[in-house]
Protein backbone atom coordinates (compact mmCIF):
# COMPACT_ATOMS: atom_id res chain seq x y z
CA UNK A 1 65.20 41.15 63.97
CA UNK A 2 61.97 43.21 64.16
CA UNK A 3 61.69 45.90 66.78
CA UNK A 4 59.56 45.17 69.80
CA UNK A 5 56.48 47.23 70.52
CA UNK A 6 56.98 49.99 73.10
CA UNK A 7 55.35 49.94 76.50
CA UNK A 8 52.03 51.68 76.88
CA UNK A 9 52.46 55.36 77.68
CA UNK A 10 50.93 56.61 80.92
CA UNK A 11 47.95 58.74 79.77
CA UNK A 12 48.57 61.10 82.69
CA UNK A 13 52.00 62.02 81.33
CA UNK A 14 52.05 65.35 79.49
CA UNK A 15 53.79 64.89 76.14
CA UNK A 16 52.99 68.36 74.84
CA UNK A 17 56.49 69.75 75.34
CA UNK A 18 58.22 66.89 73.56
CA UNK A 19 55.91 65.42 70.90
CA UNK A 20 55.53 67.24 67.58
CA UNK A 21 53.28 66.80 64.56
CA UNK A 22 54.30 68.10 61.11
CA UNK A 23 51.92 71.06 61.48
CA UNK A 24 53.81 72.12 64.63
CA UNK A 25 56.98 72.84 62.67
CA UNK A 26 57.76 76.48 61.87
CA UNK A 27 57.54 77.47 58.21
CA UNK A 28 59.95 78.67 57.02
CA UNK A 29 62.20 76.53 59.14
CA UNK A 30 63.41 78.19 62.34
CA UNK A 31 65.15 75.89 64.81
CA UNK A 32 65.58 78.69 67.36
CA UNK A 33 61.81 79.20 67.38
CA UNK A 34 61.18 75.47 67.69
CA UNK A 35 63.47 75.05 70.71
CA UNK A 36 63.23 78.51 72.19
CA UNK A 37 66.96 79.13 71.85
CA UNK A 38 69.82 79.21 69.36
CA UNK A 39 72.07 76.15 69.48
CA UNK A 40 73.59 73.50 67.25
CA UNK A 41 70.98 71.06 65.96
CA UNK A 42 71.37 67.31 65.50
CA UNK A 43 68.69 65.07 64.01
CA UNK A 44 68.10 61.38 64.60
CA UNK A 45 66.12 59.59 61.89
CA UNK A 46 64.12 56.69 63.30
CA UNK A 47 64.23 57.25 67.05
CA UNK A 48 62.76 53.90 68.08
CA UNK A 49 62.20 54.02 71.83
CA UNK A 50 64.33 57.11 72.39
CA UNK A 51 67.43 55.73 74.11
CA UNK A 52 69.90 57.66 71.97
CA UNK A 53 67.87 60.86 71.89
CA UNK A 54 67.49 60.96 75.67
CA UNK A 55 71.07 60.01 76.50
CA UNK A 56 72.53 62.45 73.96
CA UNK A 57 70.33 65.31 75.19
CA UNK A 58 71.32 64.65 78.78
CA UNK A 59 75.02 64.40 77.94
CA UNK A 60 75.08 67.57 75.81
CA UNK A 61 72.58 70.12 77.14
CA UNK A 62 74.14 72.83 74.95
CA UNK A 63 72.93 71.05 71.77
CA UNK A 64 69.35 70.76 70.44
CA UNK A 65 68.18 67.31 69.32
CA UNK A 66 65.26 66.45 67.08
CA UNK A 67 64.18 62.86 66.66
CA UNK A 68 61.98 61.77 63.77
CA UNK A 69 59.81 58.68 64.13
CA UNK A 70 57.17 57.72 61.59
CA UNK A 71 55.31 55.23 63.84
CA UNK A 72 52.93 57.04 66.21
CA UNK A 73 53.26 54.58 69.11
CA UNK A 74 57.04 54.77 69.01
CA UNK A 75 57.01 58.57 68.73
CA UNK A 76 54.80 58.70 71.82
CA UNK A 77 57.17 56.33 73.63
CA UNK A 78 60.12 58.58 72.77
CA UNK A 79 58.25 61.68 73.97
CA UNK A 80 57.36 59.88 77.21
CA UNK A 81 61.00 58.94 77.82
CA UNK A 82 62.07 62.54 77.22
CA UNK A 83 59.33 63.86 79.50
CA UNK A 84 60.23 61.47 82.31
CA UNK A 85 63.89 62.42 81.96
CA UNK A 86 63.10 66.11 82.21
CA UNK A 87 65.23 67.13 79.23
CA UNK A 88 64.36 70.41 77.55
CA UNK A 89 66.73 70.27 74.57
CA UNK A 90 65.17 67.31 72.72
CA UNK A 91 61.88 66.78 70.93
CA UNK A 92 60.47 64.10 68.64
CA UNK A 93 58.52 64.56 65.43
CA UNK A 94 55.91 61.98 64.47
CA UNK A 95 56.40 62.24 60.72
CA UNK A 96 58.30 61.35 57.57
CA UNK A 97 62.01 62.16 57.74
CA UNK A 98 62.50 62.14 53.98
CA UNK A 99 59.84 64.81 53.52
CA UNK A 100 61.30 66.96 56.30
CA UNK A 101 64.75 66.86 54.71
CA UNK A 102 63.48 67.41 51.16
CA UNK A 103 60.87 70.09 51.84
CA UNK A 104 61.77 72.05 54.96
CA UNK A 105 65.35 71.84 56.22
CA UNK A 106 67.59 74.56 54.75
CA UNK A 107 71.15 74.17 53.55
CA UNK A 108 73.91 73.86 56.17
CA UNK A 109 71.46 73.83 59.09
CA UNK A 110 72.55 70.66 60.91
CA UNK A 111 75.58 69.73 62.96
CA UNK A 112 74.91 65.99 62.68
CA UNK A 113 72.50 63.39 61.30
CA UNK A 114 72.15 60.06 63.10
CA UNK A 115 70.74 57.01 61.30
CA UNK A 116 70.74 53.89 63.47
CA UNK A 117 69.38 50.54 62.30
CA UNK A 118 66.91 51.67 59.63
CA UNK A 119 64.49 49.10 58.24
CA UNK A 120 66.56 47.01 55.77
CA UNK A 121 63.56 46.07 53.62
CA UNK A 122 65.03 42.64 53.06
CA UNK A 123 63.43 41.69 49.72
CA UNK A 124 65.25 43.06 46.70
CA UNK A 125 62.05 44.38 45.14
CA UNK A 126 61.53 46.46 48.31
CA UNK A 127 65.02 48.01 48.37
CA UNK A 128 63.59 51.16 46.77
CA UNK A 129 61.81 51.79 50.09
CA UNK A 130 65.04 51.99 52.04
CA UNK A 131 65.79 55.24 53.83
CA UNK A 132 69.33 55.29 52.48
CA UNK A 133 68.57 56.27 48.90
CA UNK A 134 70.02 58.79 46.44
CA UNK A 135 67.65 61.61 47.32
CA UNK A 136 67.99 61.21 51.06
CA UNK A 137 71.80 61.06 51.20
CA UNK A 138 72.00 64.11 48.95
CA UNK A 139 69.64 65.96 51.27
CA UNK A 140 71.76 64.90 54.24
CA UNK A 141 74.84 66.32 52.54
CA UNK A 142 73.00 69.54 51.66
CA UNK A 143 71.65 70.12 55.16
CA UNK A 144 74.87 69.36 57.03
CA UNK A 145 77.07 72.30 57.88
CA UNK A 146 80.74 72.09 56.81
CA UNK A 147 82.36 69.71 59.25
CA UNK A 148 78.96 68.18 60.05
CA UNK A 149 78.71 64.44 60.62
CA UNK A 150 76.54 61.59 59.35
CA UNK A 151 76.48 58.53 61.61
CA UNK A 152 75.14 55.37 59.97
CA UNK A 153 74.84 52.04 61.81
CA UNK A 154 73.13 48.82 60.77
CA UNK A 155 73.21 45.13 61.60
CA UNK A 156 72.80 44.13 57.93
CA UNK A 157 76.12 43.71 56.11
CA UNK A 158 74.60 44.01 52.63
CA UNK A 159 72.75 47.23 53.55
CA UNK A 160 75.93 48.65 55.06
CA UNK A 161 78.00 47.94 51.95
CA UNK A 162 75.29 49.21 49.60
CA UNK A 163 74.89 52.42 51.62
CA UNK A 164 78.62 53.13 51.68
CA UNK A 165 78.73 52.68 47.91
CA UNK A 166 75.68 54.93 47.52
CA UNK A 167 77.17 57.70 49.66
CA UNK A 168 80.46 57.54 47.74
CA UNK A 169 78.61 57.67 44.41
CA UNK A 170 76.01 60.32 45.22
CA UNK A 171 77.73 62.73 47.62
CA UNK A 172 81.05 64.39 48.35
CA UNK A 173 80.96 63.38 52.00
CA UNK A 174 84.37 62.27 53.14
CA UNK A 175 85.42 58.61 53.10
CA UNK A 176 83.79 56.53 55.84
CA UNK A 177 85.53 56.58 59.17
CA UNK A 178 85.22 53.43 61.28
CA UNK A 179 83.46 53.78 64.62
CA UNK A 180 84.97 51.55 67.28
CA UNK A 181 82.72 49.42 69.47
CA UNK A 182 83.14 50.23 73.14
CA UNK A 183 82.34 48.18 76.18
CA UNK A 184 79.02 49.02 77.87
CA UNK A 185 79.41 50.39 81.39
CA UNK A 186 75.84 49.54 82.41
CA UNK A 187 72.75 47.78 81.04
CA UNK A 188 71.54 50.74 78.97
CA UNK A 189 74.95 52.03 77.88
CA UNK A 190 74.28 51.47 74.19
CA UNK A 191 73.52 53.84 71.34
CA UNK A 192 70.03 52.37 70.87
CA UNK A 193 67.90 49.54 72.23
CA UNK A 194 68.47 47.74 68.94
CA UNK A 195 72.25 47.91 69.35
CA UNK A 196 71.82 46.48 72.84
CA UNK A 197 69.79 43.54 71.50
CA UNK A 198 72.30 42.80 68.75
CA UNK A 199 75.31 42.86 71.02
CA UNK A 200 73.69 40.84 73.79
CA UNK A 201 72.87 38.21 71.16
CA UNK A 202 76.42 38.27 69.82
CA UNK A 203 75.39 39.76 66.48
CA UNK A 204 77.66 42.14 64.54
CA UNK A 205 76.95 45.84 64.18
CA UNK A 206 78.38 47.78 61.23
CA UNK A 207 79.21 51.41 61.91
CA UNK A 208 80.52 54.32 59.83
CA UNK A 209 80.91 58.07 60.22
CA UNK A 210 81.03 60.58 57.36
CA UNK A 211 82.19 64.19 57.66
CA UNK A 212 81.13 66.94 55.26
CA UNK A 213 84.20 68.73 53.91
CA UNK A 214 84.77 72.20 55.32
């Protein structure tokens, strides 16, 4: 099910605090400089419309959150949601997550990586474009601190199975831990807008958590 286009962002809304371009990132990497404080850092790859990023930042103000969204309109929508919510511990990068992980993030620098409903690239000849590939999962393992967590959710059973096999083959991340589905307490009490759509339509969601050995 393709993702729906975000609403138009109010041009009067100042996104400067929350929206980043690749050139805005400190080189060498310095998360404390980026956020103006030292704290644990969690990254979400593919932030969509920003539901997870905003809710997580509000729930855990002691943690820094960086979302990465390659589509400009969606990145702007995420930044707008963060700005309207008034959170100061989350920002969104309009850029390529695979390049950020491969070229900039240092070893053991992340507390968690969140990957929710990445593009499945349905056709077999396009599978090489999938986010969950050998290089990316190895970079996730490298950048996670000991005890750090990878959360991977998808609505595509084949992609889920293939990714679990890939992670087992290419990394030493622990065996997948199941993530239980919980009842929503209100209309937006879902991890992402895509999870909400799937569950409201009665479609399955496949979830797994991996922990880097200490």
